[in-house]
Amino acid sequence: MRPFVFILVAIAVTAAACNSGSSDSSAEQQRGPTQETTPQPTVSGHHFTKSELAHIVLQPSDAPPGMRYTRRESGPKTLDDLGFVLKADLKEINSLRIRGIRDVIFDSSNGRSRLSSRAWLFAQPKGASAWLEKSRNDAINFALEPLDSPSLADASWAARGSLTGVNVLTYAFRSENVVVTVSMLAPESTAATDSTALAAAHRAVDRLQAS
């Protein structure tokens, strides 16, 4: 299977993210409220269904300050959309009983930074746990460095690094049978971009725990 981070960054760097200062005319300008960054991890105990997926992910109103929801690239995804085209790829992900995938993309107004979130829904927590661990291993194998971070939901990891000249900070966590990744991509890592990524990760946890 292709490294998890390769797949993540492939969708996050598209549409001229971190390249030009032009904006996406198909995206809606959204300004989000100040986000709480104090971690409040709890085990949800809620088994999520595919019908809930659109409601438990980050919403357009969750756009961080200075960023906008990119409708064109957000929404439900298939394995084909993500590049799972080889039989070995499909066999591995299907063995974990994947049930749904949904992306949420936010871009900065100057088009230089991007916040990407992806939710993976599995039939059972066992599959989600295996996927979270695989994603962590793939991130490290793809030259990202493990990062100390607050505990998020039932289990979590974080990593940062530079890929193709883009700085990446990723938080990933599992809540029952859902795995969520939140990644900030920017030309350079700053206190502001780090804070935005962590706040978005906490907001993503809040969305799941509110179900």
N, C-alpha and C. Protein backbone atom coordinates (compact mmCIF):
# COMPACT_ATOMS: atom_id res chain seq x y z
N MET A 1 0.84 -1.20 0.00
CA MET A 1 0.00 0.00 0.00
C MET A 1 0.88 1.24 0.00
N ARG A 2 0.46 2.28 -0.72
CA ARG A 2 1.23 3.51 -0.75
C ARG A 2 1.30 4.10 0.65
N PRO A 3 2.43 4.73 0.99
CA PRO A 3 2.54 5.32 2.32
C PRO A 3 1.38 6.26 2.59
N PHE A 4 0.86 6.21 3.80
CA PHE A 4 -0.29 7.01 4.19
C PHE A 4 -0.04 8.49 3.95
N VAL A 5 1.13 8.97 4.32
CA VAL A 5 1.39 10.40 4.18
C VAL A 5 1.44 10.81 2.73
N PHE A 6 1.92 9.93 1.85
CA PHE A 6 1.92 10.25 0.42
C PHE A 6 0.51 10.51 -0.05
N ILE A 7 -0.42 9.65 0.35
CA ILE A 7 -1.82 9.82 -0.04
C ILE A 7 -2.39 11.10 0.55
N LEU A 8 -2.07 11.35 1.82
CA LEU A 8 -2.57 12.54 2.49
C LEU A 8 -2.08 13.81 1.82
N VAL A 9 -0.78 13.87 1.54
CA VAL A 9 -0.22 15.07 0.96
C VAL A 9 -0.64 15.23 -0.49
N ALA A 10 -0.85 14.13 -1.19
CA ALA A 10 -1.28 14.22 -2.58
C ALA A 10 -2.58 14.98 -2.70
N ILE A 11 -3.51 14.76 -1.78
CA ILE A 11 -4.78 15.49 -1.86
C ILE A 11 -4.65 16.88 -1.24
N ALA A 12 -3.68 17.05 -0.34
CA ALA A 12 -3.57 18.33 0.34
C ALA A 12 -2.81 19.37 -0.45
N VAL A 13 -1.93 18.96 -1.36
CA VAL A 13 -1.11 19.90 -2.09
C VAL A 13 -1.70 20.24 -3.45
N THR A 14 -2.83 19.66 -3.80
CA THR A 14 -3.44 19.92 -5.10
C THR A 14 -4.01 21.33 -5.16
N ALA A 15 -4.46 21.72 -6.35
CA ALA A 15 -5.11 23.02 -6.56
C ALA A 15 -4.22 24.19 -6.17
N ALA A 16 -2.91 24.03 -6.46
CA ALA A 16 -1.93 25.11 -6.25
C ALA A 16 -1.74 25.51 -4.81
N ALA A 17 -2.05 24.61 -3.87
CA ALA A 17 -1.79 24.92 -2.47
C ALA A 17 -0.30 25.09 -2.28
N CYS A 18 0.08 26.07 -1.47
CA CYS A 18 1.47 26.38 -1.17
C CYS A 18 2.27 26.76 -2.41
N ASN A 19 1.59 27.18 -3.49
CA ASN A 19 2.30 27.56 -4.70
C ASN A 19 2.09 29.03 -5.01
N SER A 20 0.87 29.39 -5.44
CA SER A 20 0.63 30.75 -5.88
C SER A 20 -0.23 31.50 -4.88
N GLY A 21 -0.38 32.78 -5.10
CA GLY A 21 -1.20 33.59 -4.22
C GLY A 21 -2.61 33.71 -4.70
N SER A 22 -2.97 32.99 -5.78
CA SER A 22 -4.33 33.09 -6.31
C SER A 22 -5.28 32.30 -5.46
N SER A 23 -6.55 32.69 -5.46
CA SER A 23 -7.55 32.01 -4.65
C SER A 23 -8.38 31.11 -5.52
N ASP A 24 -9.07 30.16 -4.88
CA ASP A 24 -9.93 29.20 -5.57
C ASP A 24 -11.31 29.81 -5.71
N SER A 25 -11.70 30.09 -6.92
CA SER A 25 -12.98 30.77 -7.14
C SER A 25 -14.16 29.90 -6.78
N SER A 26 -13.94 28.57 -6.66
CA SER A 26 -15.05 27.69 -6.31
C SER A 26 -15.19 27.52 -4.82
N ALA A 27 -14.28 28.09 -4.05
CA ALA A 27 -14.32 27.94 -2.61
C ALA A 27 -15.16 29.05 -2.00
N GLU A 28 -15.76 28.73 -0.84
CA GLU A 28 -16.58 29.70 -0.15
C GLU A 28 -15.73 30.34 0.94
N GLN A 29 -15.77 31.67 1.04
CA GLN A 29 -15.04 32.36 2.09
C GLN A 29 -15.78 32.15 3.40
N GLN A 30 -15.05 31.60 4.38
CA GLN A 30 -15.65 31.36 5.68
C GLN A 30 -14.69 31.81 6.76
N ARG A 31 -15.20 32.45 7.74
CA ARG A 31 -14.37 32.89 8.87
C ARG A 31 -14.86 32.18 10.11
N GLY A 32 -14.01 31.39 10.72
CA GLY A 32 -14.43 30.61 11.89
C GLY A 32 -14.20 31.38 13.17
N PRO A 33 -14.88 30.98 14.24
CA PRO A 33 -14.68 31.60 15.53
C PRO A 33 -13.35 31.16 16.13
N THR A 34 -12.90 31.88 17.15
CA THR A 34 -11.71 31.46 17.86
C THR A 34 -11.93 30.05 18.40
N GLN A 35 -10.94 29.16 18.20
CA GLN A 35 -11.12 27.77 18.56
C GLN A 35 -10.41 27.45 19.86
N GLU A 36 -11.03 26.62 20.67
CA GLU A 36 -10.47 26.20 21.94
C GLU A 36 -9.35 25.20 21.70
N THR A 37 -8.21 25.40 22.36
CA THR A 37 -7.09 24.50 22.15
C THR A 37 -6.78 23.65 23.38
N THR A 38 -7.58 23.76 24.44
CA THR A 38 -7.37 22.94 25.61
C THR A 38 -7.89 21.53 25.36
N PRO A 39 -7.04 20.50 25.45
CA PRO A 39 -7.49 19.14 25.15
C PRO A 39 -8.43 18.61 26.21
N GLN A 40 -9.49 17.94 25.77
CA GLN A 40 -10.42 17.30 26.67
C GLN A 40 -10.73 15.90 26.14
N PRO A 41 -9.70 15.01 26.13
CA PRO A 41 -9.88 13.69 25.54
C PRO A 41 -10.79 12.80 26.38
N THR A 42 -11.76 12.19 25.75
CA THR A 42 -12.61 11.20 26.40
C THR A 42 -12.91 10.11 25.39
N VAL A 43 -13.24 8.95 25.88
CA VAL A 43 -13.63 7.86 25.02
C VAL A 43 -15.11 8.02 24.68
N SER A 44 -15.43 8.08 23.40
CA SER A 44 -16.79 8.40 22.99
C SER A 44 -17.77 7.28 23.31
N GLY A 45 -17.37 6.04 23.02
CA GLY A 45 -18.28 4.92 23.20
C GLY A 45 -19.38 4.88 22.17
N HIS A 46 -19.33 5.77 21.17
CA HIS A 46 -20.35 5.83 20.15
C HIS A 46 -19.87 5.14 18.89
N HIS A 47 -20.69 4.22 18.36
CA HIS A 47 -20.36 3.53 17.12
C HIS A 47 -20.95 4.32 15.96
N PHE A 48 -20.07 4.84 15.10
CA PHE A 48 -20.50 5.74 14.03
C PHE A 48 -20.96 4.96 12.80
N THR A 49 -21.92 5.54 12.08
CA THR A 49 -22.45 4.95 10.85
C THR A 49 -22.14 5.84 9.67
N LYS A 50 -22.25 5.29 8.47
CA LYS A 50 -21.94 6.05 7.27
C LYS A 50 -22.86 7.26 7.11
N SER A 51 -24.09 7.14 7.56
CA SER A 51 -25.03 8.25 7.43
C SER A 51 -24.62 9.45 8.30
N GLU A 52 -23.78 9.20 9.30
CA GLU A 52 -23.33 10.28 10.18
C GLU A 52 -22.08 10.97 9.69
N LEU A 53 -21.40 10.40 8.71
CA LEU A 53 -20.07 10.86 8.34
C LEU A 53 -20.04 12.34 7.96
N ALA A 54 -21.03 12.78 7.21
CA ALA A 54 -21.03 14.18 6.76
C ALA A 54 -21.20 15.16 7.91
N HIS A 55 -21.74 14.69 9.02
CA HIS A 55 -22.05 15.58 10.14
C HIS A 55 -20.98 15.57 11.23
N ILE A 56 -20.14 14.53 11.25
CA ILE A 56 -19.15 14.42 12.32
C ILE A 56 -17.78 14.95 11.91
N VAL A 57 -17.62 15.29 10.63
CA VAL A 57 -16.35 15.87 10.18
C VAL A 57 -16.39 17.39 10.40
N LEU A 58 -15.25 18.05 10.20
CA LEU A 58 -15.23 19.50 10.26
C LEU A 58 -16.20 20.08 9.25
N GLN A 59 -16.81 21.20 9.59
CA GLN A 59 -17.82 21.85 8.76
C GLN A 59 -17.27 23.16 8.19
N PRO A 60 -17.92 23.73 7.16
CA PRO A 60 -17.46 25.02 6.62
C PRO A 60 -17.31 26.10 7.68
N SER A 61 -18.19 26.08 8.69
CA SER A 61 -18.12 27.08 9.74
C SER A 61 -16.91 26.90 10.66
N ASP A 62 -16.21 25.75 10.53
CA ASP A 62 -15.02 25.50 11.33
C ASP A 62 -13.75 26.05 10.69
N ALA A 63 -13.88 26.77 9.59
CA ALA A 63 -12.70 27.33 8.92
C ALA A 63 -11.91 28.19 9.90
N PRO A 64 -10.60 27.93 10.03
CA PRO A 64 -9.78 28.77 10.91
C PRO A 64 -9.74 30.21 10.40
N PRO A 65 -9.45 31.15 11.26
CA PRO A 65 -9.33 32.56 10.83
C PRO A 65 -8.33 32.69 9.68
N GLY A 66 -8.73 33.42 8.64
CA GLY A 66 -7.86 33.61 7.50
C GLY A 66 -7.90 32.50 6.48
N MET A 67 -8.76 31.49 6.71
CA MET A 67 -8.87 30.38 5.78
C MET A 67 -10.31 30.21 5.34
N ARG A 68 -10.52 29.50 4.25
CA ARG A 68 -11.85 29.32 3.70
C ARG A 68 -12.07 27.85 3.34
N TYR A 69 -13.30 27.43 3.42
CA TYR A 69 -13.69 26.08 3.05
C TYR A 69 -13.64 25.93 1.53
N THR A 70 -12.97 24.88 1.05
CA THR A 70 -12.84 24.63 -0.38
C THR A 70 -13.80 23.51 -0.77
N ARG A 71 -14.96 23.91 -1.23
CA ARG A 71 -16.03 22.95 -1.50
C ARG A 71 -15.65 21.96 -2.59
N ARG A 72 -14.97 22.44 -3.62
CA ARG A 72 -14.68 21.60 -4.79
C ARG A 72 -13.90 20.34 -4.44
N GLU A 73 -13.00 20.44 -3.47
CA GLU A 73 -12.15 19.31 -3.12
C GLU A 73 -12.60 18.57 -1.88
N SER A 74 -13.63 19.06 -1.24
CA SER A 74 -14.15 18.42 -0.03
C SER A 74 -15.30 17.47 -0.37
N GLY A 75 -15.62 16.60 0.57
CA GLY A 75 -16.76 15.71 0.39
C GLY A 75 -16.37 14.25 0.41
N PRO A 76 -17.31 13.36 0.08
CA PRO A 76 -17.04 11.92 0.12
C PRO A 76 -16.01 11.52 -0.94
N LYS A 77 -15.18 10.54 -0.59
CA LYS A 77 -14.16 10.03 -1.49
C LYS A 77 -14.28 8.51 -1.60
N THR A 78 -13.82 8.00 -2.74
CA THR A 78 -13.75 6.56 -2.93
C THR A 78 -12.28 6.13 -2.89
N LEU A 79 -12.05 4.84 -2.81
CA LEU A 79 -10.69 4.34 -2.84
C LEU A 79 -10.02 4.67 -4.17
N ASP A 80 -10.79 4.67 -5.24
CA ASP A 80 -10.24 5.06 -6.54
C ASP A 80 -9.78 6.51 -6.52
N ASP A 81 -10.57 7.38 -5.87
CA ASP A 81 -10.20 8.79 -5.77
C ASP A 81 -8.84 8.96 -5.09
N LEU A 82 -8.55 8.09 -4.13
CA LEU A 82 -7.33 8.21 -3.34
C LEU A 82 -6.17 7.43 -3.92
N GLY A 83 -6.40 6.75 -5.04
CA GLY A 83 -5.31 6.06 -5.69
C GLY A 83 -5.13 4.62 -5.29
N PHE A 84 -6.14 4.03 -4.65
CA PHE A 84 -6.07 2.61 -4.31
C PHE A 84 -6.46 1.79 -5.55
N VAL A 85 -5.53 1.65 -6.46
CA VAL A 85 -5.86 1.02 -7.74
C VAL A 85 -5.26 -0.37 -7.87
N LEU A 86 -4.27 -0.71 -7.07
CA LEU A 86 -3.67 -2.02 -7.13
C LEU A 86 -4.45 -3.02 -6.28
N LYS A 87 -4.49 -4.25 -6.72
CA LYS A 87 -5.25 -5.27 -5.99
C LYS A 87 -4.75 -5.43 -4.57
N ALA A 88 -3.42 -5.34 -4.38
CA ALA A 88 -2.87 -5.48 -3.03
C ALA A 88 -3.34 -4.34 -2.13
N ASP A 89 -3.40 -3.13 -2.70
CA ASP A 89 -3.89 -1.98 -1.93
C ASP A 89 -5.32 -2.21 -1.47
N LEU A 90 -6.15 -2.58 -2.43
CA LEU A 90 -7.57 -2.77 -2.14
C LEU A 90 -7.80 -3.89 -1.14
N LYS A 91 -7.03 -4.96 -1.28
CA LYS A 91 -7.19 -6.10 -0.37
C LYS A 91 -6.88 -5.70 1.06
N GLU A 92 -5.81 -4.92 1.24
CA GLU A 92 -5.42 -4.54 2.60
C GLU A 92 -6.44 -3.61 3.24
N ILE A 93 -6.85 -2.56 2.55
CA ILE A 93 -7.80 -1.63 3.15
C ILE A 93 -9.17 -2.26 3.33
N ASN A 94 -9.57 -3.10 2.39
CA ASN A 94 -10.87 -3.77 2.51
C ASN A 94 -10.87 -4.81 3.62
N SER A 95 -9.70 -5.37 3.92
CA SER A 95 -9.63 -6.35 5.02
C SER A 95 -9.92 -5.69 6.36
N LEU A 96 -9.73 -4.37 6.43
CA LEU A 96 -10.04 -3.62 7.65
C LEU A 96 -11.49 -3.16 7.67
N ARG A 97 -12.22 -3.50 6.60
CA ARG A 97 -13.66 -3.21 6.48
C ARG A 97 -13.93 -1.70 6.48
N ILE A 98 -13.29 -1.04 5.53
CA ILE A 98 -13.53 0.39 5.34
C ILE A 98 -14.97 0.61 4.89
N ARG A 99 -15.64 1.63 5.43
CA ARG A 99 -17.04 1.88 5.12
C ARG A 99 -17.30 3.26 4.53
N GLY A 100 -16.35 4.15 4.65
CA GLY A 100 -16.55 5.48 4.09
C GLY A 100 -15.35 6.37 4.34
N ILE A 101 -15.16 7.37 3.45
CA ILE A 101 -14.06 8.32 3.55
C ILE A 101 -14.61 9.70 3.20
N ARG A 102 -14.19 10.70 3.95
CA ARG A 102 -14.66 12.06 3.65
C ARG A 102 -13.56 13.06 3.92
N ASP A 103 -13.35 13.97 2.98
CA ASP A 103 -12.34 15.01 3.09
C ASP A 103 -12.96 16.36 3.38
N VAL A 104 -12.23 17.17 4.12
CA VAL A 104 -12.59 18.56 4.34
C VAL A 104 -11.31 19.38 4.13
N ILE A 105 -11.38 20.36 3.24
CA ILE A 105 -10.21 21.16 2.88
C ILE A 105 -10.47 22.63 3.14
N PHE A 106 -9.51 23.28 3.78
CA PHE A 106 -9.54 24.73 3.97
C PHE A 106 -8.25 25.31 3.37
N ASP A 107 -8.38 26.41 2.63
CA ASP A 107 -7.23 27.09 2.05
C ASP A 107 -7.13 28.51 2.60
N SER A 108 -5.90 29.00 2.71
CA SER A 108 -5.71 30.40 3.10
C SER A 108 -6.12 31.31 1.95
N SER A 109 -6.44 32.53 2.26
CA SER A 109 -6.91 33.45 1.23
C SER A 109 -5.85 33.74 0.17
N ASN A 110 -4.55 33.60 0.53
CA ASN A 110 -3.50 33.84 -0.46
C ASN A 110 -3.08 32.55 -1.17
N GLY A 111 -3.71 31.43 -0.82
CA GLY A 111 -3.44 30.16 -1.49
C GLY A 111 -2.13 29.51 -1.11
N ARG A 112 -1.45 30.00 -0.08
CA ARG A 112 -0.14 29.46 0.26
C ARG A 112 -0.20 28.37 1.33
N SER A 113 -1.24 28.33 2.11
CA SER A 113 -1.36 27.34 3.17
C SER A 113 -2.65 26.56 3.02
N ARG A 114 -2.64 25.35 3.52
CA ARG A 114 -3.80 24.48 3.41
C ARG A 114 -3.96 23.65 4.67
N LEU A 115 -5.20 23.51 5.13
CA LEU A 115 -5.54 22.61 6.23
C LEU A 115 -6.40 21.50 5.65
N SER A 116 -5.94 20.28 5.79
CA SER A 116 -6.62 19.14 5.20
C SER A 116 -7.04 18.18 6.30
N SER A 117 -8.30 17.77 6.29
CA SER A 117 -8.78 16.78 7.25
C SER A 117 -9.46 15.65 6.49
N ARG A 118 -9.19 14.43 6.93
CA ARG A 118 -9.81 13.26 6.30
C ARG A 118 -10.33 12.33 7.39
N ALA A 119 -11.56 11.87 7.23
CA ALA A 119 -12.17 10.92 8.15
C ALA A 119 -12.32 9.57 7.46
N TRP A 120 -11.86 8.52 8.14
CA TRP A 120 -11.96 7.14 7.64
C TRP A 120 -12.91 6.38 8.54
N LEU A 121 -13.99 5.88 7.99
CA LEU A 121 -14.99 5.14 8.76
C LEU A 121 -14.80 3.64 8.53
N PHE A 122 -14.71 2.89 9.62
CA PHE A 122 -14.56 1.44 9.55
C PHE A 122 -15.76 0.76 10.20
N ALA A 123 -15.95 -0.51 9.85
CA ALA A 123 -17.09 -1.23 10.39
C ALA A 123 -16.97 -1.42 11.90
N GLN A 124 -15.73 -1.60 12.38
CA GLN A 124 -15.49 -1.86 13.79
C GLN A 124 -14.28 -1.09 14.30
N PRO A 125 -14.21 -0.84 15.60
CA PRO A 125 -13.03 -0.16 16.17
C PRO A 125 -11.72 -0.89 15.88
N LYS A 126 -11.77 -2.22 15.77
CA LYS A 126 -10.56 -2.99 15.50
C LYS A 126 -9.89 -2.54 14.20
N GLY A 127 -10.70 -2.35 13.16
CA GLY A 127 -10.15 -1.89 11.89
C GLY A 127 -9.60 -0.48 11.99
N ALA A 128 -10.29 0.39 12.73
CA ALA A 128 -9.82 1.75 12.90
C ALA A 128 -8.51 1.79 13.67
N SER A 129 -8.39 0.95 14.69
CA SER A 129 -7.15 0.90 15.47
C SER A 129 -5.98 0.47 14.60
N ALA A 130 -6.21 -0.55 13.76
CA ALA A 130 -5.15 -1.03 12.88
C ALA A 130 -4.74 0.06 11.89
N TRP A 131 -5.71 0.81 11.37
CA TRP A 131 -5.42 1.86 10.41
C TRP A 131 -4.67 3.02 11.06
N LEU A 132 -5.04 3.37 12.29
CA LEU A 132 -4.33 4.44 12.99
C LEU A 132 -2.87 4.07 13.19
N GLU A 133 -2.61 2.83 13.57
CA GLU A 133 -1.24 2.39 13.78
C GLU A 133 -0.47 2.35 12.46
N LYS A 134 -1.12 1.89 11.41
CA LYS A 134 -0.46 1.86 10.11
C LYS A 134 -0.13 3.27 9.64
N SER A 135 -1.05 4.18 9.86
CA SER A 135 -0.81 5.57 9.43
C SER A 135 0.38 6.16 10.18
N ARG A 136 0.51 5.83 11.45
CA ARG A 136 1.66 6.32 12.23
C ARG A 136 2.97 5.74 11.68
N ASN A 137 2.98 4.45 11.44
CA ASN A 137 4.19 3.82 10.91
C ASN A 137 4.56 4.37 9.54
N ASP A 138 3.55 4.58 8.68
CA ASP A 138 3.82 5.12 7.35
C ASP A 138 4.35 6.54 7.43
N ALA A 139 3.82 7.33 8.37
CA ALA A 139 4.29 8.70 8.52
C ALA A 139 5.77 8.73 8.88
N ILE A 140 6.17 7.86 9.81
CA ILE A 140 7.57 7.82 10.22
C ILE A 140 8.44 7.28 9.10
N ASN A 141 7.95 6.26 8.40
CA ASN A 141 8.70 5.70 7.29
C ASN A 141 8.87 6.70 6.15
N PHE A 142 7.96 7.67 6.09
CA PHE A 142 8.01 8.67 5.03
C PHE A 142 8.78 9.91 5.48
N ALA A 143 9.60 9.72 6.51
CA ALA A 143 10.55 10.74 6.96
C ALA A 143 9.94 11.86 7.80
N LEU A 144 8.71 11.71 8.26
CA LEU A 144 8.21 12.66 9.24
C LEU A 144 8.73 12.26 10.62
N GLU A 145 8.84 13.23 11.50
CA GLU A 145 9.35 12.99 12.84
C GLU A 145 8.21 12.96 13.84
N PRO A 146 8.21 11.97 14.75
CA PRO A 146 7.17 11.93 15.79
C PRO A 146 7.18 13.22 16.61
N LEU A 147 6.01 13.61 17.07
CA LEU A 147 5.86 14.87 17.79
C LEU A 147 5.07 14.64 19.06
N ASP A 148 5.55 15.17 20.17
CA ASP A 148 4.77 15.12 21.40
C ASP A 148 3.51 15.96 21.22
N SER A 149 2.38 15.43 21.65
CA SER A 149 1.13 16.16 21.49
C SER A 149 0.15 15.74 22.56
N PRO A 150 -0.89 16.54 22.80
CA PRO A 150 -1.91 16.13 23.75
C PRO A 150 -2.61 14.86 23.28
N SER A 151 -3.12 14.09 24.23
CA SER A 151 -3.92 12.92 23.86
C SER A 151 -5.22 13.40 23.23
N LEU A 152 -5.60 12.75 22.14
CA LEU A 152 -6.83 13.11 21.45
C LEU A 152 -7.71 11.88 21.33
N ALA A 153 -8.97 11.99 21.80
CA ALA A 153 -9.95 10.92 21.69
C ALA A 153 -9.41 9.62 22.31
N ASP A 154 -9.65 8.47 21.63
CA ASP A 154 -9.29 7.18 22.21
C ASP A 154 -7.81 6.87 22.06
N ALA A 155 -7.19 7.33 20.99
CA ALA A 155 -5.76 7.11 20.73
C ALA A 155 -5.34 8.11 19.67
N SER A 156 -4.06 8.51 19.68
CA SER A 156 -3.64 9.54 18.72
C SER A 156 -2.13 9.53 18.54
N TRP A 157 -1.70 10.20 17.47
CA TRP A 157 -0.28 10.45 17.24
C TRP A 157 -0.15 11.78 16.50
N ALA A 158 1.07 12.30 16.47
CA ALA A 158 1.35 13.53 15.74
C ALA A 158 2.75 13.44 15.15
N ALA A 159 2.96 14.13 14.04
CA ALA A 159 4.27 14.13 13.38
C ALA A 159 4.42 15.39 12.55
N ARG A 160 5.66 15.77 12.31
CA ARG A 160 5.92 16.92 11.46
C ARG A 160 7.14 16.65 10.60
N GLY A 161 7.27 17.43 9.51
CA GLY A 161 8.41 17.29 8.63
C GLY A 161 8.22 18.14 7.40
N SER A 162 9.08 17.92 6.42
CA SER A 162 9.03 18.66 5.17
C SER A 162 8.95 17.67 4.02
N LEU A 163 7.95 17.87 3.16
CA LEU A 163 7.75 17.00 2.01
C LEU A 163 7.68 17.87 0.76
N THR A 164 8.54 17.58 -0.21
CA THR A 164 8.61 18.34 -1.46
C THR A 164 8.64 19.85 -1.21
N GLY A 165 9.39 20.24 -0.18
CA GLY A 165 9.54 21.65 0.11
C GLY A 165 8.41 22.28 0.88
N VAL A 166 7.44 21.48 1.31
CA VAL A 166 6.30 21.99 2.06
C VAL A 166 6.38 21.48 3.49
N ASN A 167 6.19 22.36 4.46
CA ASN A 167 6.18 21.96 5.86
C ASN A 167 4.82 21.35 6.20
N VAL A 168 4.87 20.18 6.84
CA VAL A 168 3.66 19.43 7.17
C VAL A 168 3.61 19.16 8.66
N LEU A 169 2.49 19.44 9.26
CA LEU A 169 2.22 19.08 10.66
C LEU A 169 0.92 18.29 10.67
N THR A 170 0.97 17.05 11.14
CA THR A 170 -0.19 16.17 11.10
C THR A 170 -0.56 15.67 12.49
N TYR A 171 -1.86 15.73 12.80
CA TYR A 171 -2.43 15.10 13.98
C TYR A 171 -3.40 14.02 13.49
N ALA A 172 -3.34 12.85 14.11
CA ALA A 172 -4.26 11.77 13.76
C ALA A 172 -4.81 11.16 15.04
N PHE A 173 -6.08 10.81 15.02
CA PHE A 173 -6.67 10.21 16.21
C PHE A 173 -7.79 9.26 15.83
N ARG A 174 -8.12 8.38 16.77
CA ARG A 174 -9.23 7.44 16.58
C ARG A 174 -10.29 7.68 17.65
N SER A 175 -11.54 7.67 17.23
CA SER A 175 -12.68 7.66 18.14
C SER A 175 -13.57 6.49 17.73
N GLU A 176 -13.60 5.45 18.57
CA GLU A 176 -14.34 4.24 18.23
C GLU A 176 -13.93 3.71 16.86
N ASN A 177 -14.84 3.73 15.88
CA ASN A 177 -14.57 3.15 14.56
C ASN A 177 -14.24 4.18 13.49
N VAL A 178 -13.82 5.38 13.92
CA VAL A 178 -13.44 6.44 12.97
C VAL A 178 -12.01 6.90 13.24
N VAL A 179 -11.25 7.07 12.18
CA VAL A 179 -9.91 7.66 12.27
C VAL A 179 -9.95 9.00 11.54
N VAL A 180 -9.42 10.03 12.16
CA VAL A 180 -9.39 11.37 11.56
C VAL A 180 -7.96 11.87 11.51
N THR A 181 -7.56 12.43 10.38
CA THR A 181 -6.27 13.10 10.27
C THR A 181 -6.52 14.58 9.98
N VAL A 182 -5.71 15.41 10.60
CA VAL A 182 -5.74 16.86 10.36
C VAL A 182 -4.32 17.29 10.05
N SER A 183 -4.09 17.86 8.87
CA SER A 183 -2.74 18.26 8.47
C SER A 183 -2.70 19.71 8.04
N MET A 184 -1.70 20.41 8.52
CA MET A 184 -1.44 21.79 8.12
C MET A 184 -0.26 21.79 7.19
N LEU A 185 -0.41 22.35 5.99
CA LEU A 185 0.67 22.46 5.02
C LEU A 185 0.94 23.93 4.74
N ALA A 186 2.19 24.33 4.88
CA ALA A 186 2.54 25.74 4.71
C ALA A 186 3.98 25.85 4.24
N PRO A 187 4.34 26.98 3.61
CA PRO A 187 5.73 27.16 3.15
C PRO A 187 6.73 27.04 4.29
N GLU A 188 6.35 27.50 5.49
CA GLU A 188 7.23 27.37 6.65
C GLU A 188 6.39 27.19 7.90
N SER A 189 6.96 26.51 8.87
CA SER A 189 6.28 26.28 10.13
C SER A 189 6.43 27.50 11.02
N THR A 190 5.31 27.99 11.55
CA THR A 190 5.32 29.12 12.46
C THR A 190 4.44 28.80 13.67
N ALA A 191 4.54 29.63 14.68
CA ALA A 191 3.68 29.44 15.84
C ALA A 191 2.21 29.53 15.44
N ALA A 192 1.90 30.40 14.48
CA ALA A 192 0.52 30.57 14.04
C ALA A 192 0.01 29.32 13.31
N THR A 193 0.82 28.75 12.40
CA THR A 193 0.36 27.56 11.67
C THR A 193 0.25 26.37 12.61
N ASP A 194 1.19 26.25 13.56
CA ASP A 194 1.12 25.15 14.53
C ASP A 194 -0.14 25.26 15.38
N SER A 195 -0.43 26.47 15.82
CA SER A 195 -1.62 26.70 16.64
C SER A 195 -2.89 26.39 15.87
N THR A 196 -2.92 26.79 14.59
CA THR A 196 -4.08 26.52 13.74
C THR A 196 -4.32 25.02 13.60
N ALA A 197 -3.25 24.26 13.37
CA ALA A 197 -3.38 22.81 13.21
C ALA A 197 -3.90 22.15 14.47
N LEU A 198 -3.34 22.52 15.62
CA LEU A 198 -3.77 21.90 16.87
C LEU A 198 -5.21 22.28 17.21
N ALA A 199 -5.57 23.54 16.98
CA ALA A 199 -6.94 23.96 17.24
C ALA A 199 -7.92 23.20 16.36
N ALA A 200 -7.56 22.99 15.10
CA ALA A 200 -8.43 22.24 14.19
C ALA A 200 -8.56 20.79 14.63
N ALA A 201 -7.48 20.20 15.12
CA ALA A 201 -7.54 18.82 15.61
C ALA A 201 -8.49 18.71 16.79
N HIS A 202 -8.40 19.65 17.71
CA HIS A 202 -9.32 19.65 18.86
C HIS A 202 -10.76 19.85 18.42
N ARG A 203 -10.96 20.71 17.42
CA ARG A 203 -12.31 20.94 16.92
C ARG A 203 -12.86 19.67 16.27
N ALA A 204 -11.99 18.94 15.57
CA ALA A 204 -12.41 17.68 14.95
C ALA A 204 -12.81 16.66 16.02
N VAL A 205 -12.07 16.63 17.12
CA VAL A 205 -12.44 15.75 18.23
C VAL A 205 -13.80 16.16 18.79
N ASP A 206 -14.00 17.46 18.98
CA ASP A 206 -15.27 17.95 19.51
C ASP A 206 -16.45 17.53 18.63
N ARG A 207 -16.26 17.59 17.31
CA ARG A 207 -17.33 17.20 16.39
C ARG A 207 -17.74 15.75 16.61
N LEU A 208 -16.75 14.88 16.79
CA LEU A 208 -17.05 13.47 17.00
C LEU A 208 -17.70 13.23 18.36
N GLN A 209 -17.18 13.88 19.37
CA GLN A 209 -17.68 13.64 20.73
C GLN A 209 -19.05 14.26 20.97
N ALA A 210 -19.47 15.17 20.09
CA ALA A 210 -20.79 15.76 20.21
C ALA A 210 -21.88 14.84 19.66
N SER A 211 -21.47 13.77 18.99
CA SER A 211 -22.46 12.87 18.36
C SER A 211 -23.13 11.98 19.40
